[in-house]
Amino acid sequence: MIRKAKINDIKAIHGLLWEYGKKGELLPRPLSVLYDHVRDFSVYVDEENDDVIGCCALQFCWDDLAEIRSLAVHPNYLRKKIGSKLVEAMLSEAKSFGIKRVFALTYRQEFFEKFGFMQIDKSKLPLKIWADCIMCVKFPDCDETAMMKEMDYNQV
């Protein structure tokens, strides 16, 4: 089940992001930042015990642009379409706000292509999105792929 994150989910989200962050697969975020952005997150929870087994955030960047970020699924639950369901939820949320374009910085280009994202040059993204990159150990030599999806409001 997917729901909006609650304050008491932050430590579980932090643990998921830390797990992938130490492998260099995403940018881990300090607890203080996660608390600041709790409203950006949705979580996939085990319906029996409400444990967080996946998370994803939709951060608004501008009036027509949002970023899907911090997508992580507990390693014991991989290959169960949890990541896909989280991305679909974020795209639906973006649509509900009238967002025209959604982007992601990723090492999993093929995964995002399944949702209609196309690779773009990072220079096409607004400068303000790079503020978080300063915390990354790979800064300024980012090796993630920038992907963009133009939202289609004609689809049912």
N, C-alpha and C. Protein backbone atom coordinates (compact mmCIF):
# COMPACT_ATOMS: atom_id res chain seq x y z
N MET A 1 0.84 -1.17 0.00
CA MET A 1 0.00 0.00 0.00
C MET A 1 0.89 1.25 0.00
N ILE A 2 0.51 2.23 -0.78
CA ILE A 2 1.24 3.50 -0.84
C ILE A 2 0.42 4.56 -0.11
N ARG A 3 1.12 5.34 0.70
CA ARG A 3 0.50 6.45 1.40
C ARG A 3 1.53 7.57 1.55
N LYS A 4 1.04 8.75 1.90
CA LYS A 4 1.95 9.85 2.18
C LYS A 4 2.73 9.52 3.46
N ALA A 5 3.98 9.93 3.49
CA ALA A 5 4.83 9.68 4.65
C ALA A 5 4.34 10.47 5.86
N LYS A 6 4.61 9.89 7.01
CA LYS A 6 4.33 10.54 8.29
C LYS A 6 5.66 10.80 8.99
N ILE A 7 5.62 11.66 9.97
CA ILE A 7 6.83 11.98 10.72
C ILE A 7 7.51 10.72 11.25
N ASN A 8 6.73 9.78 11.75
CA ASN A 8 7.35 8.59 12.33
C ASN A 8 7.90 7.62 11.27
N ASP A 9 7.76 7.94 9.99
CA ASP A 9 8.36 7.15 8.91
C ASP A 9 9.78 7.61 8.57
N ILE A 10 10.17 8.78 9.04
CA ILE A 10 11.43 9.39 8.60
C ILE A 10 12.65 8.52 8.91
N LYS A 11 12.70 7.91 10.06
CA LYS A 11 13.88 7.09 10.37
C LYS A 11 13.97 5.88 9.45
N ALA A 12 12.84 5.30 9.05
CA ALA A 12 12.86 4.18 8.11
C ALA A 12 13.28 4.66 6.71
N ILE A 13 12.79 5.83 6.31
CA ILE A 13 13.20 6.42 5.02
C ILE A 13 14.70 6.68 5.04
N HIS A 14 15.18 7.27 6.13
CA HIS A 14 16.61 7.56 6.28
C HIS A 14 17.42 6.27 6.13
N GLY A 15 16.97 5.18 6.77
CA GLY A 15 17.67 3.91 6.68
C GLY A 15 17.73 3.37 5.26
N LEU A 16 16.62 3.48 4.52
CA LEU A 16 16.61 3.02 3.11
C LEU A 16 17.58 3.84 2.27
N LEU A 17 17.52 5.16 2.42
CA LEU A 17 18.40 6.03 1.63
C LEU A 17 19.86 5.81 2.00
N TRP A 18 20.14 5.60 3.29
CA TRP A 18 21.51 5.35 3.73
C TRP A 18 22.05 4.07 3.10
N GLU A 19 21.22 3.04 3.05
CA GLU A 19 21.62 1.74 2.48
C GLU A 19 22.10 1.91 1.04
N TYR A 20 21.35 2.65 0.24
CA TYR A 20 21.73 2.85 -1.16
C TYR A 20 22.80 3.94 -1.30
N GLY A 21 22.79 4.89 -0.39
CA GLY A 21 23.78 5.95 -0.42
C GLY A 21 25.19 5.44 -0.20
N LYS A 22 25.36 4.49 0.74
CA LYS A 22 26.71 3.98 1.01
C LYS A 22 27.25 3.16 -0.16
N LYS A 23 26.37 2.71 -1.05
CA LYS A 23 26.80 2.01 -2.27
C LYS A 23 27.03 3.00 -3.42
N GLY A 24 26.72 4.28 -3.18
CA GLY A 24 26.89 5.29 -4.22
C GLY A 24 25.78 5.29 -5.25
N GLU A 25 24.62 4.69 -4.91
CA GLU A 25 23.54 4.57 -5.87
C GLU A 25 22.52 5.70 -5.77
N LEU A 26 22.56 6.46 -4.71
CA LEU A 26 21.75 7.66 -4.59
C LEU A 26 22.34 8.54 -3.51
N LEU A 27 21.84 9.76 -3.45
CA LEU A 27 22.35 10.73 -2.49
C LEU A 27 21.62 10.54 -1.15
N PRO A 28 22.35 10.09 -0.11
CA PRO A 28 21.69 9.96 1.19
C PRO A 28 21.35 11.36 1.71
N ARG A 29 20.37 11.44 2.55
CA ARG A 29 19.94 12.73 3.06
C ARG A 29 19.98 12.70 4.59
N PRO A 30 20.45 13.78 5.20
CA PRO A 30 20.46 13.85 6.67
C PRO A 30 19.03 13.83 7.21
N LEU A 31 18.89 13.34 8.43
CA LEU A 31 17.57 13.31 9.07
C LEU A 31 16.90 14.67 9.06
N SER A 32 17.67 15.72 9.34
CA SER A 32 17.08 17.07 9.40
C SER A 32 16.45 17.47 8.07
N VAL A 33 17.08 17.10 6.97
CA VAL A 33 16.54 17.42 5.64
C VAL A 33 15.28 16.59 5.37
N LEU A 34 15.30 15.33 5.79
CA LEU A 34 14.13 14.48 5.59
C LEU A 34 12.93 15.01 6.38
N TYR A 35 13.16 15.45 7.61
CA TYR A 35 12.06 16.04 8.37
C TYR A 35 11.54 17.30 7.69
N ASP A 36 12.44 18.11 7.13
CA ASP A 36 12.04 19.32 6.41
C ASP A 36 11.17 19.00 5.19
N HIS A 37 11.40 17.83 4.58
CA HIS A 37 10.72 17.49 3.33
C HIS A 37 9.77 16.30 3.46
N VAL A 38 9.30 16.02 4.66
CA VAL A 38 8.43 14.86 4.87
C VAL A 38 7.21 14.90 3.95
N ARG A 39 6.69 16.09 3.65
CA ARG A 39 5.50 16.20 2.80
C ARG A 39 5.78 15.82 1.35
N ASP A 40 7.06 15.78 0.95
CA ASP A 40 7.41 15.39 -0.41
C ASP A 40 7.36 13.87 -0.60
N PHE A 41 7.42 13.14 0.49
CA PHE A 41 7.58 11.68 0.43
C PHE A 41 6.26 10.92 0.46
N SER A 42 6.29 9.84 -0.31
CA SER A 42 5.28 8.79 -0.19
C SER A 42 6.04 7.52 0.16
N VAL A 43 5.36 6.62 0.85
CA VAL A 43 6.00 5.37 1.25
C VAL A 43 5.13 4.19 0.83
N TYR A 44 5.80 3.09 0.57
CA TYR A 44 5.14 1.82 0.33
C TYR A 44 5.29 1.05 1.63
N VAL A 45 4.17 0.64 2.20
CA VAL A 45 4.22 -0.02 3.50
C VAL A 45 3.65 -1.43 3.41
N ASP A 46 4.18 -2.28 4.26
CA ASP A 46 3.65 -3.62 4.44
C ASP A 46 2.31 -3.46 5.15
N GLU A 47 1.24 -3.94 4.54
CA GLU A 47 -0.09 -3.73 5.10
C GLU A 47 -0.30 -4.42 6.44
N GLU A 48 0.43 -5.48 6.70
CA GLU A 48 0.24 -6.22 7.96
C GLU A 48 0.81 -5.48 9.16
N ASN A 49 2.00 -4.87 8.99
CA ASN A 49 2.64 -4.24 10.15
C ASN A 49 3.01 -2.77 9.94
N ASP A 50 2.64 -2.22 8.79
CA ASP A 50 2.88 -0.80 8.46
C ASP A 50 4.37 -0.45 8.38
N ASP A 51 5.24 -1.46 8.19
CA ASP A 51 6.67 -1.20 8.00
C ASP A 51 6.90 -0.54 6.65
N VAL A 52 7.78 0.46 6.61
CA VAL A 52 8.14 1.11 5.36
C VAL A 52 9.11 0.21 4.61
N ILE A 53 8.73 -0.18 3.39
CA ILE A 53 9.62 -1.02 2.58
C ILE A 53 10.03 -0.33 1.28
N GLY A 54 9.51 0.87 1.06
CA GLY A 54 9.92 1.64 -0.10
C GLY A 54 9.55 3.10 0.11
N CYS A 55 10.29 3.98 -0.58
CA CYS A 55 9.99 5.41 -0.47
C CYS A 55 10.34 6.11 -1.77
N CYS A 56 9.72 7.25 -1.95
CA CYS A 56 10.01 8.10 -3.11
C CYS A 56 9.49 9.49 -2.79
N ALA A 57 10.14 10.50 -3.35
CA ALA A 57 9.72 11.88 -3.11
C ALA A 57 9.45 12.58 -4.44
N LEU A 58 8.52 13.50 -4.39
CA LEU A 58 8.25 14.40 -5.51
C LEU A 58 8.50 15.80 -4.99
N GLN A 59 9.54 16.44 -5.51
CA GLN A 59 9.88 17.78 -5.06
C GLN A 59 9.59 18.76 -6.19
N PHE A 60 8.84 19.80 -5.84
CA PHE A 60 8.50 20.82 -6.83
C PHE A 60 9.67 21.79 -6.97
N CYS A 61 10.01 22.08 -8.21
CA CYS A 61 11.16 22.96 -8.50
C CYS A 61 10.72 24.31 -9.05
N TRP A 62 9.62 24.32 -9.75
CA TRP A 62 9.12 25.52 -10.39
C TRP A 62 7.64 25.32 -10.63
N ASP A 63 6.98 26.28 -11.26
CA ASP A 63 5.54 26.16 -11.45
C ASP A 63 5.15 25.03 -12.41
N ASP A 64 6.08 24.58 -13.23
CA ASP A 64 5.76 23.53 -14.19
C ASP A 64 6.73 22.35 -14.14
N LEU A 65 7.58 22.31 -13.13
CA LEU A 65 8.65 21.32 -13.07
C LEU A 65 8.77 20.70 -11.68
N ALA A 66 8.89 19.36 -11.66
CA ALA A 66 9.09 18.65 -10.40
C ALA A 66 10.13 17.56 -10.62
N GLU A 67 10.71 17.11 -9.51
CA GLU A 67 11.73 16.05 -9.56
C GLU A 67 11.25 14.84 -8.78
N ILE A 68 11.42 13.66 -9.36
CA ILE A 68 11.27 12.42 -8.62
C ILE A 68 12.64 12.12 -8.05
N ARG A 69 12.69 11.92 -6.73
CA ARG A 69 13.97 11.71 -6.07
C ARG A 69 13.83 10.73 -4.91
N SER A 70 14.96 10.27 -4.45
CA SER A 70 15.02 9.41 -3.27
C SER A 70 14.15 8.17 -3.40
N LEU A 71 14.17 7.56 -4.57
CA LEU A 71 13.44 6.31 -4.79
C LEU A 71 14.28 5.16 -4.27
N ALA A 72 13.74 4.43 -3.29
CA ALA A 72 14.48 3.31 -2.70
C ALA A 72 13.48 2.24 -2.24
N VAL A 73 13.89 0.99 -2.42
CA VAL A 73 13.08 -0.15 -1.98
C VAL A 73 13.99 -1.06 -1.16
N HIS A 74 13.47 -1.53 -0.03
CA HIS A 74 14.24 -2.43 0.82
C HIS A 74 14.76 -3.61 -0.01
N PRO A 75 16.03 -3.96 0.13
CA PRO A 75 16.62 -5.04 -0.69
C PRO A 75 15.85 -6.37 -0.64
N ASN A 76 15.17 -6.66 0.45
CA ASN A 76 14.40 -7.90 0.54
C ASN A 76 13.12 -7.89 -0.29
N TYR A 77 12.77 -6.72 -0.85
CA TYR A 77 11.51 -6.58 -1.58
C TYR A 77 11.71 -6.16 -3.04
N LEU A 78 12.92 -6.33 -3.55
CA LEU A 78 13.19 -5.96 -4.93
C LEU A 78 12.47 -6.91 -5.89
N ARG A 79 12.24 -6.42 -7.11
CA ARG A 79 11.60 -7.21 -8.18
C ARG A 79 10.14 -7.54 -7.87
N LYS A 80 9.48 -6.68 -7.11
CA LYS A 80 8.06 -6.87 -6.80
C LYS A 80 7.23 -5.69 -7.30
N LYS A 81 7.82 -4.88 -8.18
CA LYS A 81 7.16 -3.71 -8.79
C LYS A 81 6.86 -2.58 -7.80
N ILE A 82 7.49 -2.60 -6.64
CA ILE A 82 7.27 -1.56 -5.65
C ILE A 82 7.80 -0.22 -6.16
N GLY A 83 9.00 -0.22 -6.73
CA GLY A 83 9.56 1.00 -7.29
C GLY A 83 8.68 1.56 -8.40
N SER A 84 8.17 0.69 -9.24
CA SER A 84 7.28 1.13 -10.32
C SER A 84 6.01 1.77 -9.77
N LYS A 85 5.44 1.14 -8.75
CA LYS A 85 4.22 1.68 -8.16
C LYS A 85 4.48 3.05 -7.51
N LEU A 86 5.64 3.20 -6.90
CA LEU A 86 5.98 4.49 -6.30
C LEU A 86 6.15 5.57 -7.37
N VAL A 87 6.82 5.25 -8.47
CA VAL A 87 6.97 6.23 -9.56
C VAL A 87 5.61 6.59 -10.14
N GLU A 88 4.77 5.60 -10.36
CA GLU A 88 3.42 5.88 -10.88
C GLU A 88 2.66 6.80 -9.93
N ALA A 89 2.80 6.58 -8.63
CA ALA A 89 2.14 7.45 -7.65
C ALA A 89 2.67 8.88 -7.73
N MET A 90 3.99 9.02 -7.91
CA MET A 90 4.57 10.36 -7.99
C MET A 90 4.11 11.07 -9.27
N LEU A 91 4.02 10.33 -10.37
CA LEU A 91 3.55 10.93 -11.63
C LEU A 91 2.09 11.35 -11.51
N SER A 92 1.30 10.55 -10.84
CA SER A 92 -0.11 10.89 -10.62
C SER A 92 -0.22 12.15 -9.74
N GLU A 93 0.63 12.21 -8.71
CA GLU A 93 0.63 13.40 -7.85
C GLU A 93 1.05 14.63 -8.64
N ALA A 94 2.08 14.49 -9.46
CA ALA A 94 2.53 15.62 -10.29
C ALA A 94 1.40 16.10 -11.19
N LYS A 95 0.67 15.16 -11.77
CA LYS A 95 -0.45 15.49 -12.64
C LYS A 95 -1.54 16.23 -11.86
N SER A 96 -1.78 15.81 -10.63
CA SER A 96 -2.83 16.45 -9.83
C SER A 96 -2.49 17.91 -9.51
N PHE A 97 -1.20 18.26 -9.56
CA PHE A 97 -0.76 19.64 -9.34
C PHE A 97 -0.59 20.42 -10.64
N GLY A 98 -0.85 19.77 -11.77
CA GLY A 98 -0.72 20.45 -13.06
C GLY A 98 0.71 20.61 -13.54
N ILE A 99 1.61 19.79 -13.01
CA ILE A 99 3.02 19.86 -13.41
C ILE A 99 3.16 19.39 -14.86
N LYS A 100 3.92 20.11 -15.65
CA LYS A 100 4.07 19.78 -17.08
C LYS A 100 5.26 18.88 -17.36
N ARG A 101 6.30 18.98 -16.53
CA ARG A 101 7.50 18.18 -16.76
C ARG A 101 8.01 17.63 -15.43
N VAL A 102 8.43 16.37 -15.48
CA VAL A 102 9.01 15.72 -14.30
C VAL A 102 10.36 15.17 -14.71
N PHE A 103 11.37 15.38 -13.87
CA PHE A 103 12.68 14.85 -14.19
C PHE A 103 13.20 13.99 -13.05
N ALA A 104 14.24 13.24 -13.38
CA ALA A 104 14.93 12.42 -12.38
C ALA A 104 16.40 12.38 -12.76
N LEU A 105 17.25 12.32 -11.75
CA LEU A 105 18.67 12.06 -11.95
C LEU A 105 18.87 10.62 -11.48
N THR A 106 19.39 9.77 -12.36
CA THR A 106 19.37 8.35 -12.06
C THR A 106 20.55 7.58 -12.63
N TYR A 107 20.79 6.42 -12.05
CA TYR A 107 21.70 5.43 -12.62
C TYR A 107 20.91 4.33 -13.30
N ARG A 108 19.60 4.40 -13.24
CA ARG A 108 18.71 3.36 -13.78
C ARG A 108 17.90 3.92 -14.95
N GLN A 109 18.60 4.28 -15.99
CA GLN A 109 17.98 4.90 -17.16
C GLN A 109 16.85 4.03 -17.73
N GLU A 110 17.10 2.75 -17.87
CA GLU A 110 16.10 1.85 -18.48
C GLU A 110 14.82 1.82 -17.65
N PHE A 111 14.96 1.86 -16.33
CA PHE A 111 13.79 1.85 -15.46
C PHE A 111 12.90 3.05 -15.76
N PHE A 112 13.47 4.25 -15.83
CA PHE A 112 12.67 5.45 -16.07
C PHE A 112 12.15 5.52 -17.50
N GLU A 113 12.86 4.93 -18.44
CA GLU A 113 12.36 4.91 -19.82
C GLU A 113 11.01 4.21 -19.91
N LYS A 114 10.78 3.21 -19.06
CA LYS A 114 9.50 2.48 -19.06
C LYS A 114 8.31 3.41 -18.78
N PHE A 115 8.57 4.54 -18.16
CA PHE A 115 7.52 5.49 -17.81
C PHE A 115 7.47 6.68 -18.78
N GLY A 116 8.24 6.61 -19.85
CA GLY A 116 8.23 7.68 -20.84
C GLY A 116 9.24 8.77 -20.61
N PHE A 117 10.19 8.56 -19.71
CA PHE A 117 11.26 9.53 -19.51
C PHE A 117 12.27 9.40 -20.64
N MET A 118 12.82 10.53 -21.05
CA MET A 118 13.83 10.58 -22.10
C MET A 118 15.09 11.22 -21.52
N GLN A 119 16.24 10.75 -21.97
CA GLN A 119 17.50 11.34 -21.51
C GLN A 119 17.61 12.76 -22.03
N ILE A 120 18.09 13.65 -21.16
CA ILE A 120 18.32 15.04 -21.55
C ILE A 120 19.71 15.45 -21.07
N ASP A 121 20.19 16.54 -21.59
CA ASP A 121 21.44 17.13 -21.13
C ASP A 121 21.18 17.81 -19.78
N LYS A 122 22.04 17.60 -18.81
CA LYS A 122 21.86 18.18 -17.48
C LYS A 122 21.78 19.71 -17.52
N SER A 123 22.38 20.31 -18.53
CA SER A 123 22.36 21.77 -18.63
C SER A 123 20.95 22.31 -18.88
N LYS A 124 20.02 21.45 -19.25
CA LYS A 124 18.63 21.86 -19.49
C LYS A 124 17.86 22.03 -18.17
N LEU A 125 18.44 21.56 -17.07
CA LEU A 125 17.77 21.66 -15.78
C LEU A 125 18.11 23.00 -15.12
N PRO A 126 17.18 23.55 -14.35
CA PRO A 126 17.45 24.84 -13.70
C PRO A 126 18.57 24.73 -12.67
N LEU A 127 19.32 25.79 -12.52
CA LEU A 127 20.46 25.81 -11.60
C LEU A 127 20.06 25.49 -10.17
N LYS A 128 18.87 25.88 -9.75
CA LYS A 128 18.49 25.70 -8.35
C LYS A 128 18.46 24.23 -7.93
N ILE A 129 18.31 23.28 -8.87
CA ILE A 129 18.25 21.88 -8.48
C ILE A 129 19.61 21.35 -8.05
N TRP A 130 20.67 22.06 -8.38
CA TRP A 130 22.02 21.57 -8.07
C TRP A 130 22.44 21.88 -6.63
N ALA A 131 21.62 22.57 -5.87
CA ALA A 131 21.98 22.91 -4.48
C ALA A 131 22.27 21.65 -3.66
N ASP A 132 21.48 20.60 -3.85
CA ASP A 132 21.70 19.35 -3.10
C ASP A 132 22.98 18.65 -3.53
N CYS A 133 23.42 18.89 -4.74
CA CYS A 133 24.57 18.18 -5.27
C CYS A 133 25.87 18.50 -4.52
N ILE A 134 25.91 19.64 -3.91
CA ILE A 134 27.11 20.03 -3.17
C ILE A 134 27.41 19.02 -2.06
N MET A 135 26.36 18.36 -1.54
CA MET A 135 26.55 17.37 -0.47
C MET A 135 27.05 16.02 -1.01
N CYS A 136 27.03 15.86 -2.32
CA CYS A 136 27.38 14.56 -2.91
C CYS A 136 28.89 14.38 -3.00
N VAL A 137 29.34 13.18 -2.69
CA VAL A 137 30.78 12.90 -2.77
C VAL A 137 31.29 12.96 -4.21
N LYS A 138 30.41 12.86 -5.18
CA LYS A 138 30.81 12.89 -6.59
C LYS A 138 30.82 14.30 -7.17
N PHE A 139 30.39 15.29 -6.40
CA PHE A 139 30.37 16.67 -6.88
C PHE A 139 31.79 17.15 -7.12
N PRO A 140 32.09 17.80 -8.25
CA PRO A 140 31.20 18.24 -9.32
C PRO A 140 31.14 17.27 -10.51
N ASP A 141 31.64 16.08 -10.35
CA ASP A 141 31.71 15.12 -11.46
C ASP A 141 30.54 14.15 -11.41
N CYS A 142 29.34 14.67 -11.57
CA CYS A 142 28.12 13.86 -11.50
C CYS A 142 28.09 12.85 -12.63
N ASP A 143 27.83 11.59 -12.29
CA ASP A 143 27.75 10.56 -13.32
C ASP A 143 26.33 10.00 -13.45
N GLU A 144 25.35 10.70 -12.87
CA GLU A 144 23.96 10.29 -13.04
C GLU A 144 23.45 10.77 -14.40
N THR A 145 22.42 10.11 -14.88
CA THR A 145 21.78 10.48 -16.13
C THR A 145 20.56 11.33 -15.82
N ALA A 146 20.43 12.45 -16.50
CA ALA A 146 19.24 13.30 -16.35
C ALA A 146 18.17 12.80 -17.31
N MET A 147 16.97 12.61 -16.79
CA MET A 147 15.86 12.11 -17.59
C MET A 147 14.66 13.03 -17.35
N MET A 148 13.88 13.24 -18.40
CA MET A 148 12.73 14.14 -18.32
C MET A 148 11.51 13.47 -18.94
N LYS A 149 10.37 13.70 -18.34
CA LYS A 149 9.09 13.24 -18.89
C LYS A 149 8.19 14.45 -19.07
N GLU A 150 7.69 14.60 -20.28
CA GLU A 150 6.67 15.62 -20.55
C GLU A 150 5.34 14.98 -20.19
N MET A 151 4.61 15.59 -19.30
CA MET A 151 3.34 15.02 -18.85
C MET A 151 2.29 15.16 -19.95
N ASP A 152 1.54 14.11 -20.17
CA ASP A 152 0.51 14.09 -21.20
C ASP A 152 -0.84 14.16 -20.50
N TYR A 153 -1.49 15.31 -20.63
CA TYR A 153 -2.78 15.49 -19.98
C TYR A 153 -3.93 15.02 -20.86
N ASN A 154 -3.62 14.49 -22.04
CA ASN A 154 -4.65 13.93 -22.91
C ASN A 154 -4.89 12.46 -22.62
N GLN A 155 -3.97 11.83 -21.85
CA GLN A 155 -4.14 10.43 -21.50
C GLN A 155 -5.21 10.30 -20.42
N VAL A 156 -5.93 9.22 -20.48
CA VAL A 156 -6.94 8.94 -19.45
C VAL A 156 -6.28 8.31 -18.26
